[in-house]
Amino acid sequence: MAAILAILPIFTLIVVGYVLGWRQWLTPASAGGLSWVTFRLFLPCLLLTGIARAPLGDALSPLLLVVYFIPALLLFAGFNLYVRRRTGEASAIGLAASYSNNVLIGIPLVTALFGHDGLVYLFALLAVHSLILFSTQSLYAALGQGREQRPSVLSLLKTLANPLVVGLLMGVVINVTGIELPQPLWQVLDWLARAALPCALIVVGVGLTRYQLRTSPTIWAVCIGKLAVFPIMVLALGSLVPGLAPMALHVLVLAAAGPIGVNVLAFARPGEEQHTVGASIFLSTLLAAGTLPLWMLAMG
């Protein structure tokens, strides 16, 4: 029931975005502007404020990160290798298969099940979750510009200077150094951060109106990899590694079993890949309403 209640608001906002786009109440030009400001301002502010205030010292264990990110990076590499062999281009498909919606779904879900004791593990994961996967995707995209073209140092730095990565890095610096920002600045950042999640979900809904909403073998493969293979790998590795608290393992498995995060759209190329990623986000969120309760039962 907790998972269903957590997912319901997400579906509502996606439907709102779909209706806005379908009825042309939000034109393509205005939708493009909304997408630009969401991924370059609202979401970086959300990541900055969240990481800057997270209790990183409570549960930031190398063991915790190894159990989660080894499976994540294996999925990332496996899907991208498959797509690369088919198309010869770098893509965001591997990121979609390994990047969970640990803010919209993870925080309310872990809070309902474990309270603050579980949240410290999730915050430790969130502190580096986007930083590791977004930086890996940015580096992969920069190195994969062409089959024979090597990126210059300048182009590599520009690719890594993604606003989402910059927001995360700034949040980590503020947290680690203990920098005190003026209260009015915090207020502005908080206001901008509050707009991030609803705007991102509306952008997803509007984006789906540009294409015929359909499934494909790739979309199903990404969703199965994200919702089933990823948590199975985390559970298997976590069970083999000694010293990991049972609650920490439960939080990691549920985080891995969450649907694809909407932030992945920021890295998808316009066109077919954006459609595939958007449809994968939509389908994985729909399927997660059934798979997350199953994972809760499996974890006891």
C-alpha atoms as a PDB file:
ATOM      1  CA  MET A   1       0.000   0.000   0.000  1.00  0.00           C
ATOM      2  CA  ALA A   2       2.876   2.365   0.787  1.00  0.00           C
ATOM      3  CA  ALA A   3       4.345   1.888  -2.689  1.00  0.00           C
ATOM      4  CA  ILE A   4       0.998   2.506  -4.374  1.00  0.00           C
ATOM      5  CA  LEU A   5       0.440   5.701  -2.372  1.00  0.00           C
ATOM      6  CA  ALA A   6       3.951   6.881  -3.264  1.00  0.00           C
ATOM      7  CA  ILE A   7       3.501   6.218  -6.984  1.00  0.00           C
ATOM      8  CA  LEU A   8      -0.004   7.723  -7.326  1.00  0.00           C
ATOM      9  CA  PRO A   9       1.115  11.401  -7.245  1.00  0.00           C
ATOM     10  CA  ILE A  10       3.748  10.653  -9.882  1.00  0.00           C
ATOM     11  CA  PHE A  11       1.171   9.194 -12.243  1.00  0.00           C
ATOM     12  CA  THR A  12      -1.111  12.143 -11.633  1.00  0.00           C
ATOM     13  CA  LEU A  13       1.526  14.673 -12.693  1.00  0.00           C
ATOM     14  CA  ILE A  14       2.556  12.623 -15.726  1.00  0.00           C
ATOM     15  CA  VAL A  15      -1.091  12.521 -16.791  1.00  0.00           C
ATOM     16  CA  VAL A  16      -1.372  16.284 -16.225  1.00  0.00           C
ATOM     17  CA  GLY A  17       1.642  16.819 -18.498  1.00  0.00           C
ATOM     18  CA  TYR A  18       0.210  14.454 -21.099  1.00  0.00           C
ATOM     19  CA  VAL A  19      -3.116  16.309 -21.127  1.00  0.00           C
ATOM     20  CA  LEU A  20      -1.356  19.686 -21.377  1.00  0.00           C
ATOM     21  CA  GLY A  21       0.604  18.485 -24.393  1.00  0.00           C
ATOM     22  CA  TRP A  22      -2.241  16.558 -26.012  1.00  0.00           C
ATOM     23  CA  ARG A  23      -4.635  19.513 -25.769  1.00  0.00           C
ATOM     24  CA  GLN A  24      -1.891  21.912 -26.949  1.00  0.00           C
ATOM     25  CA  TRP A  25      -2.335  23.997 -23.811  1.00  0.00           C
ATOM     26  CA  LEU A  26       1.441  23.751 -23.545  1.00  0.00           C
ATOM     27  CA  THR A  27       2.901  24.391 -27.000  1.00  0.00           C
ATOM     28  CA  PRO A  28       6.108  22.684 -28.188  1.00  0.00           C
ATOM     29  CA  ALA A  29       8.013  25.948 -27.745  1.00  0.00           C
ATOM     30  CA  SER A  30       6.777  26.487 -24.196  1.00  0.00           C
ATOM     31  CA  ALA A  31       7.347  22.806 -23.374  1.00  0.00           C
ATOM     32  CA  GLY A  32      10.931  23.154 -24.593  1.00  0.00           C
ATOM     33  CA  GLY A  33      11.405  26.179 -22.343  1.00  0.00           C
ATOM     34  CA  LEU A  34       9.941  24.295 -19.377  1.00  0.00           C
ATOM     35  CA  SER A  35      12.285  21.365 -20.034  1.00  0.00           C
ATOM     36  CA  TRP A  36      15.299  23.687 -20.311  1.00  0.00           C
ATOM     37  CA  VAL A  37      14.658  25.500 -17.021  1.00  0.00           C
ATOM     38  CA  THR A  38      13.771  22.245 -15.236  1.00  0.00           C
ATOM     39  CA  PHE A  39      16.959  20.388 -16.096  1.00  0.00           C
ATOM     40  CA  ARG A  40      19.289  23.386 -15.902  1.00  0.00           C
ATOM     41  CA  LEU A  41      17.934  25.220 -12.881  1.00  0.00           C
ATOM     42  CA  PHE A  42      15.238  23.459 -10.829  1.00  0.00           C
ATOM     43  CA  LEU A  43      16.794  19.989 -10.683  1.00  0.00           C
ATOM     44  CA  PRO A  44      20.356  21.206  -9.970  1.00  0.00           C
ATOM     45  CA  CYS A  45      18.957  23.274  -7.078  1.00  0.00           C
ATOM     46  CA  LEU A  46      17.087  20.224  -5.775  1.00  0.00           C
ATOM     47  CA  LEU A  47      20.225  18.092  -5.856  1.00  0.00           C
ATOM     48  CA  LEU A  48      22.356  20.850  -4.325  1.00  0.00           C
ATOM     49  CA  THR A  49      20.040  21.492  -1.366  1.00  0.00           C
ATOM     50  CA  GLY A  50      19.386  17.800  -0.738  1.00  0.00           C
ATOM     51  CA  ILE A  51      23.021  16.704  -0.728  1.00  0.00           C
ATOM     52  CA  ALA A  52      24.196  19.784   1.195  1.00  0.00           C
ATOM     53  CA  ARG A  53      21.896  18.892   4.122  1.00  0.00           C
ATOM     54  CA  ALA A  54      22.116  15.081   4.064  1.00  0.00           C
ATOM     55  CA  PRO A  55      23.681  13.373   7.135  1.00  0.00           C
ATOM     56  CA  LEU A  56      26.481  11.822   5.115  1.00  0.00           C
ATOM     57  CA  GLY A  57      28.515  10.693   8.094  1.00  0.00           C
ATOM     58  CA  ASP A  58      25.804   8.465   9.577  1.00  0.00           C
ATOM     59  CA  ALA A  59      25.908   5.654   7.050  1.00  0.00           C
ATOM     60  CA  LEU A  60      28.431   6.478   4.325  1.00  0.00           C
ATOM     61  CA  SER A  61      30.201   3.136   4.251  1.00  0.00           C
ATOM     62  CA  PRO A  62      32.319   1.904   1.333  1.00  0.00           C
ATOM     63  CA  LEU A  63      30.598  -1.461   1.755  1.00  0.00           C
ATOM     64  CA  LEU A  64      27.206   0.153   1.203  1.00  0.00           C
ATOM     65  CA  LEU A  65      28.354   1.752  -2.030  1.00  0.00           C
ATOM     66  CA  VAL A  66      30.091  -1.387  -3.330  1.00  0.00           C
ATOM     67  CA  VAL A  67      26.949  -3.528  -2.915  1.00  0.00           C
ATOM     68  CA  TYR A  68      24.809  -1.028  -4.819  1.00  0.00           C
ATOM     69  CA  PHE A  69      27.093   0.407  -7.480  1.00  0.00           C
ATOM     70  CA  ILE A  70      28.835  -2.736  -8.731  1.00  0.00           C
ATOM     71  CA  PRO A  71      25.481  -4.103 -10.014  1.00  0.00           C
ATOM     72  CA  ALA A  72      24.488  -0.625 -11.248  1.00  0.00           C
ATOM     73  CA  LEU A  73      27.685  -0.167 -13.257  1.00  0.00           C
ATOM     74  CA  LEU A  74      27.496  -3.721 -14.623  1.00  0.00           C
ATOM     75  CA  LEU A  75      23.991  -3.032 -15.929  1.00  0.00           C
ATOM     76  CA  PHE A  76      25.126   0.340 -17.262  1.00  0.00           C
ATOM     77  CA  ALA A  77      27.991  -1.280 -19.158  1.00  0.00           C
ATOM     78  CA  GLY A  78      25.982  -4.249 -20.388  1.00  0.00           C
ATOM     79  CA  PHE A  79      23.112  -2.263 -21.901  1.00  0.00           C
ATOM     80  CA  ASN A  80      25.414   0.359 -23.404  1.00  0.00           C
ATOM     81  CA  LEU A  81      27.629  -2.297 -24.946  1.00  0.00           C
ATOM     82  CA  TYR A  82      24.579  -3.885 -26.573  1.00  0.00           C
ATOM     83  CA  VAL A  83      23.309  -0.550 -27.940  1.00  0.00           C
ATOM     84  CA  ARG A  84      26.777   0.456 -29.079  1.00  0.00           C
ATOM     85  CA  ARG A  85      27.155  -2.729 -31.105  1.00  0.00           C
ATOM     86  CA  ARG A  86      23.773  -2.153 -32.747  1.00  0.00           C
ATOM     87  CA  THR A  87      24.014   1.567 -33.502  1.00  0.00           C
ATOM     88  CA  GLY A  88      27.684   2.489 -33.125  1.00  0.00           C
ATOM     89  CA  GLU A  89      26.720   5.426 -30.869  1.00  0.00           C
ATOM     90  CA  ALA A  90      26.772   6.230 -27.174  1.00  0.00           C
ATOM     91  CA  SER A  91      23.317   6.277 -25.597  1.00  0.00           C
ATOM     92  CA  ALA A  92      21.478   6.810 -22.315  1.00  0.00           C
ATOM     93  CA  ILE A  93      19.888   3.344 -22.328  1.00  0.00           C
ATOM     94  CA  GLY A  94      22.429   1.975 -19.865  1.00  0.00           C
ATOM     95  CA  LEU A  95      21.775   4.902 -17.547  1.00  0.00           C
ATOM     96  CA  ALA A  96      18.030   4.196 -17.707  1.00  0.00           C
ATOM     97  CA  ALA A  97      18.619   0.568 -16.695  1.00  0.00           C
ATOM     98  CA  SER A  98      20.727   1.548 -13.676  1.00  0.00           C
ATOM     99  CA  TYR A  99      19.317   4.879 -12.404  1.00  0.00           C
ATOM    100  CA  SER A 100      16.518   4.680  -9.820  1.00  0.00           C
ATOM    101  CA  ASN A 101      13.941   7.271  -8.855  1.00  0.00           C
ATOM    102  CA  ASN A 102      15.245   7.356  -5.302  1.00  0.00           C
ATOM    103  CA  VAL A 103      13.825  10.813  -4.555  1.00  0.00           C
ATOM    104  CA  LEU A 104      10.198  10.597  -5.673  1.00  0.00           C
ATOM    105  CA  ILE A 105       9.753   6.933  -4.762  1.00  0.00           C
ATOM    106  CA  GLY A 106      12.654   6.062  -2.475  1.00  0.00           C
ATOM    107  CA  ILE A 107      12.267   8.717   0.214  1.00  0.00           C
ATOM    108  CA  PRO A 108       8.525   8.243   0.946  1.00  0.00           C
ATOM    109  CA  LEU A 109       8.841   4.463   0.649  1.00  0.00           C
ATOM    110  CA  VAL A 110      11.820   4.109   3.008  1.00  0.00           C
ATOM    111  CA  THR A 111      10.279   6.596   5.452  1.00  0.00           C
ATOM    112  CA  ALA A 112       7.047   4.600   5.629  1.00  0.00           C
ATOM    113  CA  LEU A 113       8.835   1.276   6.099  1.00  0.00           C
ATOM    114  CA  PHE A 114      11.896   2.066   8.231  1.00  0.00           C
ATOM    115  CA  GLY A 115      11.623   5.657   9.474  1.00  0.00           C
ATOM    116  CA  HIS A 116      14.759   7.714  10.161  1.00  0.00           C
ATOM    117  CA  ASP A 117      16.902   4.614  10.757  1.00  0.00           C
ATOM    118  CA  GLY A 118      16.424   3.576   7.145  1.00  0.00           C
ATOM    119  CA  LEU A 119      16.632   7.075   5.747  1.00  0.00           C
ATOM    120  CA  VAL A 120      20.265   7.507   6.793  1.00  0.00           C
ATOM    121  CA  TYR A 121      21.221   4.690   4.423  1.00  0.00           C
ATOM    122  CA  LEU A 122      19.183   6.162   1.596  1.00  0.00           C
ATOM    123  CA  PHE A 123      20.678   9.633   2.120  1.00  0.00           C
ATOM    124  CA  ALA A 124      24.166   8.105   2.049  1.00  0.00           C
ATOM    125  CA  LEU A 125      23.263   6.508  -1.274  1.00  0.00           C
ATOM    126  CA  LEU A 126      21.713   9.704  -2.625  1.00  0.00           C
ATOM    127  CA  ALA A 127      24.861  11.638  -1.747  1.00  0.00           C
ATOM    128  CA  VAL A 128      26.760   9.881  -4.532  1.00  0.00           C
ATOM    129  CA  HIS A 129      23.996   8.181  -6.564  1.00  0.00           C
ATOM    130  CA  SER A 130      23.540  10.835  -9.227  1.00  0.00           C
ATOM    131  CA  LEU A 131      27.154  11.988  -8.965  1.00  0.00           C
ATOM    132  CA  ILE A 132      28.541   8.549  -9.875  1.00  0.00           C
ATOM    133  CA  LEU A 133      26.012   7.603 -12.555  1.00  0.00           C
ATOM    134  CA  PHE A 134      25.652  11.052 -14.170  1.00  0.00           C
ATOM    135  CA  SER A 135      29.424  11.534 -14.263  1.00  0.00           C
ATOM    136  CA  THR A 136      29.858   8.065 -15.750  1.00  0.00           C
ATOM    137  CA  GLN A 137      27.219   8.822 -18.383  1.00  0.00           C
ATOM    138  CA  SER A 138      28.787  12.207 -19.191  1.00  0.00           C
ATOM    139  CA  LEU A 139      32.221  10.636 -19.563  1.00  0.00           C
ATOM    140  CA  TYR A 140      30.822   7.814 -21.700  1.00  0.00           C
ATOM    141  CA  ALA A 141      28.967  10.281 -23.945  1.00  0.00           C
ATOM    142  CA  ALA A 142      32.101  12.393 -24.368  1.00  0.00           C
ATOM    143  CA  LEU A 143      34.279   9.407 -25.261  1.00  0.00           C
ATOM    144  CA  GLY A 144      31.618   7.967 -27.558  1.00  0.00           C
ATOM    145  CA  GLN A 145      31.049  10.932 -29.873  1.00  0.00           C
ATOM    146  CA  GLY A 146      32.092   8.953 -32.883  1.00  0.00           C
ATOM    147  CA  ARG A 147      33.674   5.716 -33.892  1.00  0.00           C
ATOM    148  CA  GLU A 148      37.006   7.310 -34.780  1.00  0.00           C
ATOM    149  CA  GLN A 149      36.706  10.783 -33.269  1.00  0.00           C
ATOM    150  CA  ARG A 150      38.442  11.382 -29.967  1.00  0.00           C
ATOM    151  CA  PRO A 151      37.121  14.251 -27.894  1.00  0.00           C
ATOM    152  CA  SER A 152      39.418  17.100 -26.985  1.00  0.00           C
ATOM    153  CA  VAL A 153      40.076  17.916 -23.349  1.00  0.00           C
ATOM    154  CA  LEU A 154      37.911  21.034 -23.711  1.00  0.00           C
ATOM    155  CA  SER A 155      34.929  19.108 -25.108  1.00  0.00           C
ATOM    156  CA  LEU A 156      35.301  16.517 -22.344  1.00  0.00           C
ATOM    157  CA  LEU A 157      35.255  19.185 -19.664  1.00  0.00           C
ATOM    158  CA  LYS A 158      32.203  20.820 -21.257  1.00  0.00           C
ATOM    159  CA  THR A 159      30.337  17.519 -21.250  1.00  0.00           C
ATOM    160  CA  LEU A 160      31.219  16.848 -17.626  1.00  0.00           C
ATOM    161  CA  ALA A 161      30.039  20.358 -16.719  1.00  0.00           C
ATOM    162  CA  ASN A 162      26.420  19.158 -16.857  1.00  0.00           C
ATOM    163  CA  PRO A 163      24.239  21.372 -14.613  1.00  0.00           C
ATOM    164  CA  LEU A 164      23.060  18.284 -12.694  1.00  0.00           C
ATOM    165  CA  VAL A 165      26.629  17.190 -12.000  1.00  0.00           C
ATOM    166  CA  VAL A 166      27.590  20.738 -11.034  1.00  0.00           C
ATOM    167  CA  GLY A 167      24.661  20.960  -8.603  1.00  0.00           C
ATOM    168  CA  LEU A 168      25.682  17.687  -6.977  1.00  0.00           C
ATOM    169  CA  LEU A 169      29.321  18.715  -6.660  1.00  0.00           C
ATOM    170  CA  MET A 170      28.357  22.026  -5.083  1.00  0.00           C
ATOM    171  CA  GLY A 171      26.118  20.215  -2.597  1.00  0.00           C
ATOM    172  CA  VAL A 172      28.910  17.813  -1.633  1.00  0.00           C
ATOM    173  CA  VAL A 173      31.368  20.699  -1.167  1.00  0.00           C
ATOM    174  CA  ILE A 174      28.926  22.616   1.052  1.00  0.00           C
ATOM    175  CA  ASN A 175      28.214  19.506   3.122  1.00  0.00           C
ATOM    176  CA  VAL A 176      31.831  18.433   3.592  1.00  0.00           C
ATOM    177  CA  THR A 177      33.281  21.887   4.241  1.00  0.00           C
ATOM    178  CA  GLY A 178      30.405  23.129   6.392  1.00  0.00           C
ATOM    179  CA  ILE A 179      30.059  26.371   4.436  1.00  0.00           C
ATOM    180  CA  GLU A 180      27.293  28.566   5.874  1.00  0.00           C
ATOM    181  CA  LEU A 181      25.162  30.126   3.150  1.00  0.00           C
ATOM    182  CA  PRO A 182      23.051  33.199   3.948  1.00  0.00           C
ATOM    183  CA  GLN A 183      19.478  32.304   4.921  1.00  0.00           C
ATOM    184  CA  PRO A 184      17.901  34.346   2.058  1.00  0.00           C
ATOM    185  CA  LEU A 185      20.012  32.344  -0.414  1.00  0.00           C
ATOM    186  CA  TRP A 186      18.848  29.069   1.124  1.00  0.00           C
ATOM    187  CA  GLN A 187      15.273  30.269   0.806  1.00  0.00           C
ATOM    188  CA  VAL A 188      15.709  31.015  -2.895  1.00  0.00           C
ATOM    189  CA  LEU A 189      17.364  27.638  -3.504  1.00  0.00           C
ATOM    190  CA  ASP A 190      14.564  25.857  -1.635  1.00  0.00           C
ATOM    191  CA  TRP A 191      11.881  27.627  -3.680  1.00  0.00           C
ATOM    192  CA  LEU A 192      13.591  26.652  -6.928  1.00  0.00           C
ATOM    193  CA  ALA A 193      14.088  23.078  -5.699  1.00  0.00           C
ATOM    194  CA  ARG A 194      10.389  22.673  -4.923  1.00  0.00           C
ATOM    195  CA  ALA A 195       9.562  23.281  -8.581  1.00  0.00           C
ATOM    196  CA  ALA A 196      11.915  20.530  -9.803  1.00  0.00           C
ATOM    197  CA  LEU A 197       9.952  17.324  -9.288  1.00  0.00           C
ATOM    198  CA  PRO A 198       6.493  18.413 -10.513  1.00  0.00           C
ATOM    199  CA  CYS A 199       7.995  20.205 -13.520  1.00  0.00           C
ATOM    200  CA  ALA A 200      10.141  17.193 -14.412  1.00  0.00           C
ATOM    201  CA  LEU A 201       7.131  14.870 -14.307  1.00  0.00           C
ATOM    202  CA  ILE A 202       5.072  17.273 -16.403  1.00  0.00           C
ATOM    203  CA  VAL A 203       7.917  17.370 -18.929  1.00  0.00           C
ATOM    204  CA  VAL A 204       7.799  13.560 -19.074  1.00  0.00           C
ATOM    205  CA  GLY A 205       4.053  13.630 -19.742  1.00  0.00           C
ATOM    206  CA  VAL A 206       4.336  16.312 -22.428  1.00  0.00           C
ATOM    207  CA  GLY A 207       7.194  14.425 -24.072  1.00  0.00           C
ATOM    208  CA  LEU A 208       5.106  11.269 -24.381  1.00  0.00           C
ATOM    209  CA  THR A 209       2.563  13.120 -26.549  1.00  0.00           C
ATOM    210  CA  ARG A 210       5.175  13.572 -29.290  1.00  0.00           C
ATOM    211  CA  TYR A 211       5.235   9.855 -30.005  1.00  0.00           C
ATOM    212  CA  GLN A 212       2.842   6.949 -30.162  1.00  0.00           C
ATOM    213  CA  LEU A 213       3.057   5.413 -26.719  1.00  0.00           C
ATOM    214  CA  ARG A 214       4.106   1.859 -27.473  1.00  0.00           C
ATOM    215  CA  THR A 215       6.349  -0.837 -26.107  1.00  0.00           C
ATOM    216  CA  SER A 216       9.301  -2.491 -27.793  1.00  0.00           C
ATOM    217  CA  PRO A 217      11.776  -5.256 -26.951  1.00  0.00           C
ATOM    218  CA  THR A 218      14.288  -2.594 -25.876  1.00  0.00           C
ATOM    219  CA  ILE A 219      11.796  -0.869 -23.575  1.00  0.00           C
ATOM    220  CA  TRP A 220      10.759  -4.164 -21.989  1.00  0.00           C
ATOM    221  CA  ALA A 221      14.392  -5.216 -21.600  1.00  0.00           C
ATOM    222  CA  VAL A 222      15.266  -1.927 -19.865  1.00  0.00           C
ATOM    223  CA  CYS A 223      12.275  -2.231 -17.503  1.00  0.00           C
ATOM    224  CA  ILE A 224      12.996  -5.871 -16.646  1.00  0.00           C
ATOM    225  CA  GLY A 225      16.642  -5.042 -16.081  1.00  0.00           C
ATOM    226  CA  LYS A 226      15.763  -2.106 -13.849  1.00  0.00           C
ATOM    227  CA  LEU A 227      12.908  -3.609 -11.810  1.00  0.00           C
ATOM    228  CA  ALA A 228      14.060  -7.241 -11.526  1.00  0.00           C
ATOM    229  CA  VAL A 229      17.689  -7.877 -12.522  1.00  0.00           C
ATOM    230  CA  PHE A 230      19.131  -4.877 -10.669  1.00  0.00           C
ATOM    231  CA  PRO A 231      17.574  -5.654  -7.254  1.00  0.00           C
ATOM    232  CA  ILE A 232      18.356  -9.364  -7.647  1.00  0.00           C
ATOM    233  CA  MET A 233      22.024  -8.518  -8.216  1.00  0.00           C
ATOM    234  CA  VAL A 234      22.078  -6.167  -5.217  1.00  0.00           C
ATOM    235  CA  LEU A 235      20.401  -8.781  -3.003  1.00  0.00           C
ATOM    236  CA  ALA A 236      22.800 -11.512  -4.131  1.00  0.00           C
ATOM    237  CA  LEU A 237      25.926  -9.396  -3.649  1.00  0.00           C
ATOM    238  CA  GLY A 238      24.709  -7.958  -0.337  1.00  0.00           C
ATOM    239  CA  SER A 239      23.972 -11.450   0.992  1.00  0.00           C
ATOM    240  CA  LEU A 240      27.510 -12.569   0.172  1.00  0.00           C
ATOM    241  CA  VAL A 241      29.261  -9.560   1.708  1.00  0.00           C
ATOM    242  CA  PRO A 242      29.769  -9.849   5.492  1.00  0.00           C
ATOM    243  CA  GLY A 243      29.178  -6.890   7.780  1.00  0.00           C
ATOM    244  CA  LEU A 244      26.233  -5.256   6.008  1.00  0.00           C
ATOM    245  CA  ALA A 245      23.320  -4.520   8.343  1.00  0.00           C
ATOM    246  CA  PRO A 246      20.025  -6.237   7.379  1.00  0.00           C
ATOM    247  CA  MET A 247      18.177  -2.902   7.263  1.00  0.00           C
ATOM    248  CA  ALA A 248      20.861  -1.427   5.020  1.00  0.00           C
ATOM    249  CA  LEU A 249      20.475  -4.346   2.607  1.00  0.00           C
ATOM    250  CA  HIS A 250      16.677  -3.931   2.603  1.00  0.00           C
ATOM    251  CA  VAL A 251      17.020  -0.228   1.758  1.00  0.00           C
ATOM    252  CA  LEU A 252      19.516  -0.947  -1.024  1.00  0.00           C
ATOM    253  CA  VAL A 253      17.301  -3.607  -2.603  1.00  0.00           C
ATOM    254  CA  LEU A 254      14.223  -1.369  -2.553  1.00  0.00           C
ATOM    255  CA  ALA A 255      16.275   1.504  -3.976  1.00  0.00           C
ATOM    256  CA  ALA A 256      17.471  -0.729  -6.809  1.00  0.00           C
ATOM    257  CA  ALA A 257      13.898  -1.950  -7.429  1.00  0.00           C
ATOM    258  CA  GLY A 258      12.499   1.557  -7.916  1.00  0.00           C
ATOM    259  CA  PRO A 259      11.375   2.828 -11.326  1.00  0.00           C
ATOM    260  CA  ILE A 260      13.664   4.778 -13.637  1.00  0.00           C
ATOM    261  CA  GLY A 261      14.365   8.348 -12.521  1.00  0.00           C
ATOM    262  CA  VAL A 262      13.049  11.172 -14.690  1.00  0.00           C
ATOM    263  CA  ASN A 263      16.474  12.843 -14.676  1.00  0.00           C
ATOM    264  CA  VAL A 264      17.665  10.307 -17.267  1.00  0.00           C
ATOM    265  CA  LEU A 265      15.726  12.263 -19.900  1.00  0.00           C
ATOM    266  CA  ALA A 266      18.302  15.054 -19.592  1.00  0.00           C
ATOM    267  CA  PHE A 267      20.914  12.721 -21.133  1.00  0.00           C
ATOM    268  CA  ALA A 268      18.802  11.147 -23.891  1.00  0.00           C
ATOM    269  CA  ARG A 269      19.338  12.279 -27.473  1.00  0.00           C
ATOM    270  CA  PRO A 270      16.285  13.962 -29.061  1.00  0.00           C
ATOM    271  CA  GLY A 271      14.277  11.644 -31.236  1.00  0.00           C
ATOM    272  CA  GLU A 272      13.951   7.882 -30.939  1.00  0.00           C
ATOM    273  CA  GLU A 273      16.218   7.553 -27.919  1.00  0.00           C
ATOM    274  CA  GLN A 274      14.277  10.192 -25.990  1.00  0.00           C
ATOM    275  CA  HIS A 275      11.064   8.380 -26.849  1.00  0.00           C
ATOM    276  CA  THR A 276      12.521   5.046 -25.720  1.00  0.00           C
ATOM    277  CA  VAL A 277      13.769   6.492 -22.428  1.00  0.00           C
ATOM    278  CA  GLY A 278      10.514   8.386 -21.805  1.00  0.00           C
ATOM    279  CA  ALA A 279       8.405   5.297 -22.504  1.00  0.00           C
ATOM    280  CA  SER A 280      10.710   3.222 -20.280  1.00  0.00           C
ATOM    281  CA  ILE A 281      10.250   5.714 -17.432  1.00  0.00           C
ATOM    282  CA  PHE A 282       6.472   5.613 -17.884  1.00  0.00           C
ATOM    283  CA  LEU A 283       6.262   1.813 -18.127  1.00  0.00           C
ATOM    284  CA  SER A 284       8.709   1.167 -15.279  1.00  0.00           C
ATOM    285  CA  THR A 285       6.724   3.493 -13.011  1.00  0.00           C
ATOM    286  CA  LEU A 286       3.507   1.682 -13.918  1.00  0.00           C
ATOM    287  CA  LEU A 287       5.051  -1.743 -13.354  1.00  0.00           C
ATOM    288  CA  ALA A 288       6.691  -0.661 -10.086  1.00  0.00           C
ATOM    289  CA  ALA A 289       3.241  -0.327  -8.510  1.00  0.00           C
ATOM    290  CA  GLY A 290       3.129  -4.124  -8.653  1.00  0.00           C
ATOM    291  CA  THR A 291       6.795  -5.077  -8.330  1.00  0.00           C
ATOM    292  CA  LEU A 292       7.679  -2.933  -5.298  1.00  0.00           C
ATOM    293  CA  PRO A 293       5.088  -4.617  -3.039  1.00  0.00           C
ATOM    294  CA  LEU A 294       6.483  -7.983  -4.198  1.00  0.00           C
ATOM    295  CA  TRP A 295       9.992  -6.896  -3.207  1.00  0.00           C
ATOM    296  CA  MET A 296       8.645  -5.755   0.184  1.00  0.00           C
ATOM    297  CA  LEU A 297       7.173  -9.224   0.716  1.00  0.00           C
ATOM    298  CA  ALA A 298      10.405 -10.868  -0.431  1.00  0.00           C
ATOM    299  CA  MET A 299      12.423  -8.773   2.028  1.00  0.00           C
ATOM    300  CA  GLY A 300      10.019  -9.565   4.875  1.00  0.00           C
END
